[in-house]
Amino acid sequence: MKVDARISALRFVYPFLFRADEFGMRVAAIERATWTGSQQPITVWGRQQFPVDNLLAYVADFVNPRDDAPLTARFWALNPTALQSASGLGGGRDQTGVTWSLLTPKAALPYWLECVQLALFRDGVGFLTMTAFPRSDVLADWLDFLHYFRFFRGQRGVRICAERRVGIDPATGQPRQEPFFPAPAGGRARADQPRTVVDAIITGLLDTAGPPAPDPWWEDVFVPGQMLPFATLFVDDLPQEGIPVLLYRVRNFFHSHQDILPTADDLRLDHRAIWSYAEQQWFVFSLDGGAFVAANAPGSSFFRATLPSHLNTQYFLAFLLALLQRFVLMMLSQEVARRWLPHDQQASLEDRATTFARIRDRLLAFTAQGYFAQAMQQEHYHRYYRQWQETFQVARLYQEVSAEVREMHSDVDLRYRQHLEFLEREQERRSRRLEQRLALISWVLGAPTLVFVFLSAIPGIGDEFGVRGIAEAGLTFGMGILAMVIGLLAYLVVTRLPGARLTTRPDRGMAGRRAAHAGDDGEIP
């Protein structure tokens, strides 16, 4: 049982989230990112186009937006120099004298790091894809590599190391090796440690999207420390009785030494997680990743050249689109949960209403551009894409997220409107109290003022005070007090007349008219 390593490939996808409002900034930083080279700076990323040969037009415009259209997605591949140079990752097919090895609990597996791709989407979801596979054609090695390499933070004892050829030993005539680790991912500091983790490389790659910061600009969205595999396996010399077991191992990403005890249903070739593509060729679907397995494929150019190319382009893109939909919906659901926790009750109603309005707008934007019921026209591609949507339960996720966003936005918006109405009623109450106090002052002081004005016009009142003047002044003061009392009584009588209003309240629309007829409690009798 041998794997055709020329056309087989193992892709490992690291999905992550980032702030959607930083999308443009991250794109700009990635496109101008450089690494220090031995002679001149190395451009890290080269812009690529998603393969759109079989995409519907509106989906193609989403993944590859025109220059005059809003930016919705961007796709890059690591430049060959950045991939192969010792100043970069020292990858490629043994072109730099660097040998990478995956250290597992069972053995060390030398491997090639053949390609690195990066995709960012406007919704705040990104994918870093590393294509790597063992330098072997033994099926057991490929199964082990497929199982272990996805644990990029060292779970299950997984580590990586590298050595670089630095010359020939004059005594033995054998190549001399020294520890190596890419400068962008830690360089000499990590080369002094024989073993490290894949996460160091992932961090070095994603750090190109912005200036150094204490905290990463991205966060996990899948199982922390785990990537999703997308495997393409063309296996030759595979006995017929070994096919069901191989499909079972690949579907669960078991390593070659793992004890298994599958049921009869698990070994069925028409299992619900398996889709037959052609004779002895199957697609495998799982929440942990996917695969294509061909057993003893024909030697024709289609099955040995055209089909592998389609698997690495169109089929892989369909897988990414389904992943994008899944993680955008998970991100929105997560944001709703974060904003609805009890500790957030201290936030103002205005802030919460603004937050949930923004979440709703993001869901609507995703619905308009991103949630595709059909993305590809041809039958095989469309069925494959729909199978991934069913595997990831995208339709059910969409219904749940739509319902919770709609209900919570409505609830917060209703509370905010009620709060505004309450504040408006309170303002009206305060305004009426102020008006009443001003009216009281006017009535109480206005009447004495009129009396004094009237008395000042009577001859003799304004003469110099003598004995008679003192008596007249006392009389005037008494009349002023009497006028104030009369004014106060008049105010009380006027303000208690049925239907009396000191001022007319402004029209505030339907809500204002209802409140005006409702009384202070806001309820319509």
Protein backbone atom coordinates (compact mmCIF):
# COMPACT_ATOMS: atom_id res chain seq x y z
CA MET A 1 0.00 0.00 0.00
CA LYS A 2 1.68 3.13 -1.26
CA VAL A 3 0.61 6.74 -1.56
CA ASP A 4 1.24 8.52 -4.85
CA ALA A 5 3.08 11.47 -3.29
CA ARG A 6 3.24 13.33 -6.61
CA ILE A 7 -0.50 14.04 -6.63
CA SER A 8 -1.52 13.46 -2.99
CA ALA A 9 -1.48 16.35 -0.52
CA LEU A 10 -2.30 17.14 3.10
CA ARG A 11 -3.66 20.61 3.79
CA PHE A 12 -4.12 21.90 7.33
CA VAL A 13 -6.43 24.89 7.81
CA TYR A 14 -6.14 27.15 10.83
CA PRO A 15 -9.34 29.24 11.07
CA PHE A 16 -9.33 32.40 13.17
CA LEU A 17 -11.38 35.48 13.96
CA PHE A 18 -10.39 39.12 13.94
CA ARG A 19 -12.10 42.49 14.24
CA ALA A 20 -14.10 43.12 11.08
CA ASP A 21 -13.45 46.87 11.25
CA GLU A 22 -9.70 46.13 10.94
CA PHE A 23 -10.09 44.20 7.68
CA GLY A 24 -8.73 46.97 5.43
CA MET A 25 -5.81 47.67 7.75
CA ARG A 26 -4.82 43.98 7.92
CA VAL A 27 -4.99 43.63 4.13
CA ALA A 28 -2.74 46.65 3.65
CA ALA A 29 -0.22 45.38 6.23
CA ILE A 30 -0.05 41.91 4.64
CA GLU A 31 0.56 43.29 1.17
CA ARG A 32 3.53 45.38 2.28
CA ALA A 33 5.01 42.83 4.72
CA THR A 34 8.70 41.96 4.33
CA TRP A 35 11.23 39.77 6.09
CA THR A 36 14.92 40.53 6.46
CA GLY A 37 16.90 38.70 3.78
CA SER A 38 20.61 37.98 3.49
CA GLN A 39 21.01 40.65 0.81
CA GLN A 40 17.70 42.49 0.51
CA PRO A 41 14.22 42.45 2.10
CA ILE A 42 12.00 39.52 1.16
CA THR A 43 8.40 40.23 0.18
CA VAL A 44 6.38 37.78 2.24
CA TRP A 45 3.03 37.44 0.46
CA GLY A 46 1.94 37.45 -3.15
CA ARG A 47 -1.65 38.20 -4.03
CA GLN A 48 -3.58 35.32 -5.56
CA GLN A 49 -7.01 34.84 -7.12
CA PHE A 50 -9.49 32.28 -5.86
CA PRO A 51 -10.27 29.70 -8.57
CA VAL A 52 -13.66 30.80 -9.91
CA ASP A 53 -14.02 28.68 -13.06
CA ASN A 54 -17.11 26.91 -11.73
CA LEU A 55 -18.48 29.56 -9.36
CA LEU A 56 -21.69 31.46 -10.00
CA ALA A 57 -21.05 35.07 -10.98
CA TYR A 58 -22.19 36.72 -7.74
CA VAL A 59 -20.10 34.28 -5.66
CA ALA A 60 -17.08 34.94 -7.87
CA ASP A 61 -17.54 38.69 -7.31
CA PHE A 62 -17.57 38.06 -3.56
CA VAL A 63 -14.33 36.07 -3.38
CA ASN A 64 -12.54 38.07 -6.10
CA PRO A 65 -14.01 41.59 -5.90
CA ARG A 66 -13.42 43.96 -8.77
CA ASP A 67 -11.20 46.98 -8.23
CA ASP A 68 -14.22 49.33 -8.33
CA ALA A 69 -16.24 47.20 -5.87
CA PRO A 70 -16.09 47.11 -2.05
CA LEU A 71 -13.35 44.83 -0.75
CA THR A 72 -14.95 41.61 0.56
CA ALA A 73 -12.12 39.05 0.48
CA ARG A 74 -8.42 38.76 -0.20
CA PHE A 75 -6.24 35.72 -0.91
CA TRP A 76 -2.45 35.36 -0.80
CA ALA A 77 0.22 32.69 -1.10
CA LEU A 78 3.64 32.79 0.52
CA ASN A 79 6.18 33.96 -2.05
CA PRO A 80 8.59 31.21 -3.19
CA THR A 81 11.59 33.09 -1.81
CA ALA A 82 9.92 33.56 1.58
CA LEU A 83 9.00 29.88 1.60
CA GLN A 84 12.30 28.39 0.45
CA SER A 85 14.97 30.77 1.70
CA ALA A 86 16.82 30.09 4.91
CA SER A 87 15.93 33.69 5.79
CA GLY A 88 12.31 32.66 5.43
CA LEU A 89 10.78 29.30 6.35
CA GLY A 90 13.33 27.04 4.69
CA GLY A 91 10.51 25.04 3.12
CA GLY A 92 9.94 23.61 -0.32
CA ARG A 93 11.04 20.27 -1.68
CA ASP A 94 14.59 20.13 -0.32
CA GLN A 95 15.83 23.19 -2.18
CA THR A 96 17.58 24.86 0.77
CA GLY A 97 19.24 21.96 2.56
CA VAL A 98 16.76 22.28 5.44
CA THR A 99 15.16 19.10 6.73
CA TRP A 100 11.95 19.46 8.74
CA SER A 101 10.73 16.65 11.00
CA LEU A 102 7.48 16.07 12.84
CA LEU A 103 8.23 14.46 16.20
CA THR A 104 5.39 12.20 17.36
CA PRO A 105 5.20 9.83 20.34
CA LYS A 106 5.87 6.97 17.89
CA ALA A 107 8.54 8.29 15.52
CA ALA A 108 10.11 11.24 13.75
CA LEU A 109 8.58 11.92 10.33
CA PRO A 110 10.67 14.07 7.94
CA TYR A 111 8.32 16.22 5.89
CA TRP A 112 8.03 18.90 3.24
CA LEU A 113 6.37 22.26 3.85
CA GLU A 114 5.25 22.82 0.29
CA CYS A 115 2.87 25.78 0.37
CA VAL A 116 1.33 28.37 2.71
CA GLN A 117 -1.82 30.33 1.86
CA LEU A 118 -3.73 33.05 3.69
CA ALA A 119 -7.30 34.28 3.15
CA LEU A 120 -9.13 37.10 4.93
CA PHE A 121 -12.82 37.90 4.62
CA ARG A 122 -14.60 41.15 5.39
CA ASP A 123 -16.84 39.43 7.97
CA GLY A 124 -13.87 38.99 10.34
CA VAL A 125 -12.89 35.38 9.51
CA GLY A 126 -9.51 34.26 8.21
CA PHE A 127 -7.86 30.99 7.12
CA LEU A 128 -4.17 30.13 7.20
CA THR A 129 -3.52 26.97 5.20
CA MET A 130 -0.30 24.95 5.37
CA THR A 131 0.33 22.20 2.83
CA ALA A 132 2.74 19.65 4.33
CA PHE A 133 3.23 15.90 3.99
CA PRO A 134 5.84 13.26 4.88
CA ARG A 135 8.84 12.49 2.72
CA SER A 136 7.55 8.98 2.28
CA ASP A 137 5.10 7.00 0.21
CA VAL A 138 4.18 4.61 3.03
CA LEU A 139 0.46 4.87 3.85
CA ALA A 140 1.07 4.47 7.60
CA ASP A 141 3.35 7.52 7.59
CA TRP A 142 0.70 9.62 5.84
CA LEU A 143 -1.96 8.53 8.33
CA ASP A 144 0.32 9.37 11.24
CA PHE A 145 1.22 12.75 9.79
CA LEU A 146 -2.45 13.51 9.08
CA HIS A 147 -3.33 12.70 12.68
CA TYR A 148 -0.52 14.52 14.52
CA PHE A 149 0.38 17.61 12.50
CA ARG A 150 -3.01 19.24 13.17
CA PHE A 151 -2.14 19.62 16.90
CA PHE A 152 -0.11 22.75 16.34
CA ARG A 153 0.33 23.79 19.98
CA GLY A 154 1.99 20.59 21.06
CA GLN A 155 -0.96 18.56 22.29
CA ARG A 156 -0.34 14.83 22.50
CA GLY A 157 3.40 15.37 22.61
CA VAL A 158 3.69 16.72 19.05
CA ARG A 159 6.77 18.80 18.27
CA ILE A 160 8.72 19.90 15.19
CA CYS A 161 12.41 20.44 14.58
CA ALA A 162 14.65 21.30 11.65
CA GLU A 163 18.29 20.93 10.65
CA ARG A 164 20.24 22.75 7.97
CA ARG A 165 23.19 21.43 5.99
CA VAL A 166 26.19 23.71 6.57
CA GLY A 167 28.97 21.89 4.75
CA ILE A 168 30.93 18.64 4.72
CA ASP A 169 32.69 17.14 7.70
CA PRO A 170 36.37 16.83 6.59
CA ALA A 171 36.91 13.83 8.83
CA THR A 172 33.97 11.70 7.72
CA GLY A 173 33.05 13.28 4.41
CA GLN A 174 29.43 13.39 5.54
CA PRO A 175 27.19 16.49 5.40
CA ARG A 176 27.31 18.57 8.55
CA GLN A 177 23.99 19.56 10.11
CA GLU A 178 23.10 22.25 12.61
CA PRO A 179 19.79 23.14 14.31
CA PHE A 180 17.69 25.56 12.32
CA PHE A 181 14.54 27.54 12.87
CA PRO A 182 13.11 30.31 10.68
CA ALA A 183 14.10 33.82 11.75
CA PRO A 184 10.52 35.14 11.28
CA ALA A 185 9.32 32.52 13.79
CA GLY A 186 11.96 32.90 16.48
CA GLY A 187 15.21 32.17 14.70
CA ARG A 188 18.28 31.36 16.75
CA ALA A 189 16.42 31.57 20.04
CA ARG A 190 14.32 28.61 18.98
CA ALA A 191 17.11 26.79 17.16
CA ASP A 192 18.78 26.40 20.52
CA GLN A 193 15.74 24.41 21.57
CA PRO A 194 15.75 21.16 19.60
CA ARG A 195 11.99 20.89 19.73
CA THR A 196 9.25 23.45 19.34
CA VAL A 197 5.69 23.60 17.99
CA VAL A 198 4.02 24.51 14.72
CA ASP A 199 2.31 27.42 16.48
CA ALA A 200 5.62 29.34 16.36
CA ILE A 201 5.46 29.31 12.55
CA ILE A 202 1.76 30.22 12.49
CA THR A 203 2.41 33.15 14.83
CA GLY A 204 5.34 34.35 12.73
CA LEU A 205 3.17 34.26 9.60
CA LEU A 206 0.17 36.06 11.10
CA ASP A 207 2.38 38.69 12.71
CA THR A 208 2.97 40.03 9.19
CA ALA A 209 -0.57 41.48 9.28
CA GLY A 210 0.28 44.24 11.70
CA PRO A 211 2.86 45.87 13.97
CA PRO A 212 4.08 43.83 16.97
CA ALA A 213 1.65 43.96 19.87
CA PRO A 214 1.46 42.35 23.32
CA ASP A 215 -1.64 40.38 22.32
CA PRO A 216 -2.39 38.67 19.00
CA TRP A 217 -4.80 40.44 16.67
CA TRP A 218 -6.53 37.12 15.98
CA GLU A 219 -8.31 34.53 18.14
CA ASP A 220 -9.24 30.86 17.84
CA VAL A 221 -12.64 29.91 16.50
CA PHE A 222 -12.19 26.14 16.16
CA VAL A 223 -10.90 23.77 18.86
CA PRO A 224 -7.98 25.69 20.47
CA GLY A 225 -4.65 24.42 19.19
CA GLN A 226 -6.14 22.28 16.44
CA MET A 227 -6.31 22.66 12.65
CA LEU A 228 -8.79 21.18 10.21
CA PRO A 229 -7.23 18.77 7.69
CA PHE A 230 -8.19 18.62 4.03
CA ALA A 231 -6.50 15.48 2.72
CA THR A 232 -6.12 14.14 -0.81
CA LEU A 233 -4.93 10.53 -0.83
CA PHE A 234 -4.28 8.48 -3.96
CA VAL A 235 -3.43 5.02 -2.63
CA ASP A 236 -2.17 2.26 -4.88
CA ASP A 237 -1.89 -1.48 -4.24
CA LEU A 238 -4.71 -1.30 -1.71
CA PRO A 239 -6.54 -4.62 -1.17
CA GLN A 240 -10.30 -4.48 -1.59
CA GLU A 241 -10.91 -5.61 1.98
CA GLY A 242 -8.73 -2.78 3.29
CA ILE A 243 -10.82 0.02 1.74
CA PRO A 244 -13.58 0.24 4.43
CA VAL A 245 -11.01 0.31 7.24
CA LEU A 246 -8.97 3.00 5.48
CA LEU A 247 -12.05 5.18 4.97
CA TYR A 248 -12.95 4.72 8.64
CA ARG A 249 -9.47 5.78 9.78
CA VAL A 250 -9.38 8.78 7.46
CA ARG A 251 -12.88 9.89 8.47
CA ASN A 252 -11.82 9.95 12.13
CA PHE A 253 -8.18 10.99 11.47
CA PHE A 254 -6.85 8.01 13.41
CA HIS A 255 -3.14 7.28 13.26
CA SER A 256 -1.88 3.96 11.91
CA HIS A 257 -1.31 2.36 15.34
CA GLN A 258 -4.59 3.39 16.92
CA ASP A 259 -6.77 0.56 18.18
CA ILE A 260 -10.12 0.63 16.43
CA LEU A 261 -13.28 -1.37 16.81
CA PRO A 262 -15.67 -0.12 14.10
CA THR A 263 -19.24 -1.31 13.84
CA ALA A 264 -20.71 -2.80 10.70
CA ASP A 265 -22.39 0.56 10.01
CA ASP A 266 -19.04 2.37 10.34
CA LEU A 267 -17.56 0.20 7.60
CA ARG A 268 -20.37 0.68 5.10
CA LEU A 269 -19.26 2.34 1.86
CA ASP A 270 -22.62 4.13 1.67
CA HIS A 271 -22.19 5.67 5.12
CA ARG A 272 -23.86 9.08 5.50
CA ALA A 273 -20.43 10.73 5.94
CA ILE A 274 -19.09 9.22 2.71
CA TRP A 275 -20.00 10.29 -0.81
CA SER A 276 -18.96 8.11 -3.74
CA TYR A 277 -17.34 10.17 -6.50
CA ALA A 278 -16.34 7.40 -8.91
CA GLU A 279 -15.50 3.72 -8.82
CA GLN A 280 -13.36 3.19 -5.69
CA GLN A 281 -13.11 6.94 -5.07
CA TRP A 282 -14.84 8.74 -2.20
CA PHE A 283 -15.20 12.08 -0.49
CA VAL A 284 -15.18 11.94 3.30
CA PHE A 285 -17.00 14.55 5.41
CA SER A 286 -16.45 15.25 9.09
CA LEU A 287 -16.82 18.12 11.55
CA ASP A 288 -13.05 17.81 12.11
CA GLY A 289 -12.11 18.09 8.43
CA GLY A 290 -12.46 16.36 5.09
CA ALA A 291 -10.65 14.10 2.67
CA PHE A 292 -10.69 12.51 -0.76
CA VAL A 293 -9.57 8.89 -0.98
CA ALA A 294 -8.88 7.11 -4.27
CA ALA A 295 -8.03 3.42 -4.17
CA ASN A 296 -6.08 2.10 -7.15
CA ALA A 297 -7.14 5.04 -9.37
CA PRO A 298 -6.82 4.64 -13.15
CA GLY A 299 -3.62 5.90 -14.73
CA SER A 300 -5.39 8.25 -17.16
CA SER A 301 -4.53 11.94 -17.28
CA PHE A 302 -7.88 12.92 -15.80
CA PHE A 303 -7.53 10.84 -12.64
CA ARG A 304 -3.79 11.42 -12.21
CA ALA A 305 -3.57 15.11 -13.22
CA THR A 306 -6.87 16.92 -13.83
CA LEU A 307 -8.74 15.55 -10.80
CA PRO A 308 -5.92 16.28 -8.29
CA SER A 309 -5.80 19.85 -9.64
CA HIS A 310 -9.56 20.26 -9.17
CA LEU A 311 -9.33 18.85 -5.65
CA ASN A 312 -6.69 21.42 -4.73
CA THR A 313 -8.62 24.35 -6.22
CA GLN A 314 -12.39 24.20 -6.79
CA TYR A 315 -13.18 21.52 -4.22
CA PHE A 316 -10.94 23.13 -1.63
CA LEU A 317 -12.62 26.50 -2.25
CA ALA A 318 -16.06 24.95 -1.71
CA PHE A 319 -14.77 23.57 1.59
CA LEU A 320 -13.52 27.05 2.61
CA LEU A 321 -16.84 28.71 1.70
CA ALA A 322 -18.76 26.30 3.90
CA LEU A 323 -16.24 26.86 6.70
CA LEU A 324 -16.61 30.62 6.27
CA GLN A 325 -20.38 30.41 6.70
CA ARG A 326 -20.04 28.19 9.73
CA PHE A 327 -17.55 30.42 11.53
CA VAL A 328 -19.26 33.72 10.68
CA LEU A 329 -22.45 32.39 12.25
CA MET A 330 -20.54 31.05 15.25
CA MET A 331 -18.84 34.44 15.64
CA LEU A 332 -22.17 36.31 15.61
CA SER A 333 -23.67 33.86 18.10
CA GLN A 334 -20.62 34.25 20.33
CA GLU A 335 -20.87 38.04 20.18
CA VAL A 336 -24.55 37.91 21.13
CA ALA A 337 -23.72 35.69 24.11
CA ARG A 338 -20.92 38.00 25.23
CA ARG A 339 -23.14 41.08 25.05
CA TRP A 340 -26.02 39.38 26.86
CA LEU A 341 -24.16 38.12 29.93
CA PRO A 342 -25.39 39.44 33.33
CA HIS A 343 -22.16 41.37 33.96
CA ASP A 344 -23.03 43.46 30.92
CA GLN A 345 -26.19 44.73 32.56
CA GLN A 346 -24.24 47.74 33.79
CA ALA A 347 -23.83 48.94 30.22
CA SER A 348 -26.20 51.73 29.26
CA LEU A 349 -29.29 50.87 27.29
CA GLU A 350 -28.10 53.17 24.53
CA ASP A 351 -24.80 51.28 24.22
CA ARG A 352 -26.55 47.92 24.19
CA ALA A 353 -29.07 49.07 21.60
CA THR A 354 -26.21 50.33 19.40
CA THR A 355 -24.30 47.06 19.85
CA PHE A 356 -27.21 44.82 18.89
CA ALA A 357 -28.10 47.05 15.96
CA ARG A 358 -24.53 46.58 14.72
CA ILE A 359 -24.78 42.78 15.17
CA ARG A 360 -28.05 42.77 13.24
CA ASP A 361 -26.50 44.81 10.43
CA ARG A 362 -23.59 42.36 10.22
CA LEU A 363 -26.01 39.45 9.97
CA LEU A 364 -27.92 41.23 7.19
CA ALA A 365 -24.67 41.93 5.32
CA PHE A 366 -23.69 38.26 5.64
CA THR A 367 -27.12 37.21 4.38
CA ALA A 368 -26.76 39.46 1.34
CA GLN A 369 -23.15 38.48 0.59
CA GLY A 370 -21.81 35.30 2.11
CA TYR A 371 -24.74 32.95 2.75
CA PHE A 372 -24.97 31.14 -0.57
CA ALA A 373 -27.54 28.39 -1.07
CA GLN A 374 -25.84 27.58 -4.37
CA ALA A 375 -22.26 28.54 -5.12
CA MET A 376 -21.32 26.28 -8.03
CA GLN A 377 -23.22 25.32 -11.13
CA GLN A 378 -21.90 21.88 -12.07
CA GLU A 379 -23.59 18.91 -10.42
CA HIS A 380 -20.56 17.39 -8.68
CA TYR A 381 -19.39 20.69 -7.24
CA HIS A 382 -22.87 21.71 -6.12
CA ARG A 383 -23.56 18.38 -4.41
CA TYR A 384 -20.18 18.53 -2.71
CA TYR A 385 -20.77 22.09 -1.49
CA ARG A 386 -24.25 21.21 -0.17
CA GLN A 387 -22.83 18.18 1.62
CA TRP A 388 -20.41 20.41 3.49
CA GLN A 389 -23.22 22.78 4.43
CA GLU A 390 -25.18 19.84 5.82
CA THR A 391 -22.13 18.48 7.66
CA PHE A 392 -21.49 21.86 9.30
CA GLN A 393 -25.25 22.37 9.86
CA VAL A 394 -25.03 25.81 8.30
CA ALA A 395 -28.79 26.16 7.66
CA ARG A 396 -29.66 25.27 11.26
CA LEU A 397 -26.97 27.62 12.59
CA TYR A 398 -28.31 30.41 10.40
CA GLN A 399 -31.87 29.93 11.68
CA GLU A 400 -30.73 29.90 15.31
CA VAL A 401 -28.50 32.95 14.98
CA SER A 402 -31.13 34.86 12.99
CA ALA A 403 -33.75 34.13 15.63
CA GLU A 404 -31.59 35.10 18.60
CA VAL A 405 -30.27 38.27 16.93
CA ARG A 406 -33.78 39.31 15.89
CA GLU A 407 -35.36 38.63 19.29
CA MET A 408 -32.58 40.17 21.35
CA HIS A 409 -32.30 43.23 19.13
CA SER A 410 -36.08 43.72 19.39
CA ASP A 411 -35.99 43.31 23.17
CA VAL A 412 -33.09 45.75 23.66
CA ASP A 413 -34.61 48.22 21.20
CA LEU A 414 -37.99 48.07 23.01
CA ARG A 415 -36.33 48.64 26.37
CA TYR A 416 -34.34 51.53 24.98
CA ARG A 417 -37.46 53.17 23.51
CA GLN A 418 -39.33 52.71 26.77
CA HIS A 419 -36.37 54.26 28.57
CA LEU A 420 -36.45 57.25 26.23
CA GLU A 421 -40.19 57.67 26.79
CA PHE A 422 -39.67 57.52 30.54
CA LEU A 423 -36.95 60.17 30.34
CA GLU A 424 -39.22 62.31 28.19
CA ARG A 425 -42.06 62.06 30.68
CA GLU A 426 -39.71 62.92 33.51
CA GLN A 427 -38.52 65.96 31.58
CA GLU A 428 -42.12 67.02 31.06
CA ARG A 429 -42.85 66.65 34.76
CA ARG A 430 -39.85 68.80 35.65
CA SER A 431 -40.89 71.37 33.05
CA ARG A 432 -44.43 71.54 34.45
CA ARG A 433 -43.12 71.99 37.99
CA LEU A 434 -40.87 74.83 36.83
CA GLU A 435 -43.77 76.43 34.97
CA GLN A 436 -45.96 76.19 38.06
CA ARG A 437 -43.31 77.81 40.24
CA LEU A 438 -42.80 80.62 37.77
CA ALA A 439 -46.56 81.14 37.57
CA LEU A 440 -46.79 81.24 41.36
CA ILE A 441 -44.08 83.88 41.52
CA SER A 442 -45.85 85.88 38.82
CA TRP A 443 -49.20 85.79 40.63
CA VAL A 444 -47.77 86.52 44.06
CA LEU A 445 -45.48 89.36 43.00
CA GLY A 446 -47.54 90.68 40.14
CA ALA A 447 -50.52 91.77 42.20
CA PRO A 448 -48.49 93.83 44.74
CA THR A 449 -46.60 95.43 41.89
CA LEU A 450 -49.85 96.61 40.32
CA VAL A 451 -51.00 97.96 43.70
CA PHE A 452 -47.79 99.91 44.26
CA VAL A 453 -47.92 101.32 40.75
CA PHE A 454 -51.50 102.40 41.33
CA LEU A 455 -50.81 103.97 44.72
CA SER A 456 -47.73 105.79 43.45
CA ALA A 457 -49.97 107.61 41.03
CA ILE A 458 -52.18 109.05 43.88
CA PRO A 459 -51.12 112.63 44.88
CA GLY A 460 -49.45 112.89 48.26
CA ILE A 461 -48.27 109.28 48.46
CA GLY A 462 -44.90 110.22 47.02
CA ASP A 463 -44.38 113.28 49.41
CA GLU A 464 -41.76 113.30 52.08
CA PHE A 465 -42.73 111.15 55.04
CA GLY A 466 -44.01 112.85 58.07
CA VAL A 467 -46.49 111.53 60.60
CA ARG A 468 -49.08 111.35 57.89
CA GLY A 469 -46.49 109.85 55.54
CA ILE A 470 -45.72 107.05 57.99
CA ALA A 471 -49.38 106.17 58.24
CA GLU A 472 -49.75 106.20 54.49
CA ALA A 473 -46.63 104.00 54.13
CA GLY A 474 -48.09 101.49 56.56
CA LEU A 475 -51.31 101.50 54.65
CA THR A 476 -49.42 100.91 51.43
CA PHE A 477 -47.48 97.99 52.93
CA GLY A 478 -50.66 96.43 54.28
CA MET A 479 -52.34 96.70 50.94
CA GLY A 480 -49.28 95.03 49.34
CA ILE A 481 -49.57 92.07 51.73
CA LEU A 482 -53.29 91.84 51.04
CA ALA A 483 -52.57 91.89 47.30
CA MET A 484 -50.05 89.02 47.64
CA VAL A 485 -52.64 86.93 49.51
CA ILE A 486 -55.27 87.68 46.90
CA GLY A 487 -52.78 86.74 44.12
CA LEU A 488 -51.97 83.43 45.83
CA LEU A 489 -55.66 82.58 46.21
CA ALA A 490 -56.28 83.49 42.57
CA TYR A 491 -53.41 81.21 41.48
CA LEU A 492 -54.83 78.28 43.46
CA VAL A 493 -58.28 78.81 41.99
CA VAL A 494 -57.03 79.10 38.41
CA THR A 495 -54.69 76.04 38.51
CA ARG A 496 -57.46 73.80 39.92
CA LEU A 497 -60.06 74.59 37.30
CA PRO A 498 -61.05 71.45 35.27
CA GLY A 499 -58.88 71.06 32.12
CA ALA A 500 -56.59 73.97 33.13
CA ARG A 501 -53.14 73.99 31.44
CA LEU A 502 -50.52 76.66 31.83
CA THR A 503 -48.81 75.81 28.56
CA THR A 504 -49.49 73.66 25.57
CA ARG A 505 -47.07 70.71 25.22
CA PRO A 506 -45.42 70.32 21.81
CA ASP A 507 -46.64 67.61 19.45
CA ARG A 508 -44.26 64.57 19.63
CA GLY A 509 -45.91 62.41 17.01
CA MET A 510 -48.12 59.42 17.77
CA ALA A 511 -46.22 58.51 20.96
CA GLY A 512 -46.49 62.12 22.20
CA ARG A 513 -50.22 62.35 21.50
CA ARG A 514 -50.84 59.04 23.26
CA ALA A 515 -48.84 60.16 26.30
CA ALA A 516 -50.66 63.53 26.34
CA HIS A 517 -54.02 61.75 26.69
CA ALA A 518 -52.73 59.07 29.01
CA GLY A 519 -51.72 60.97 32.12
CA ASP A 520 -48.41 60.64 33.94
CA ASP A 521 -48.40 56.85 33.94
CA GLY A 522 -48.42 56.74 30.13
CA GLU A 523 -51.46 54.42 29.97
CA ILE A 524 -54.51 55.17 27.87
CA PRO A 525 -57.67 55.19 29.96
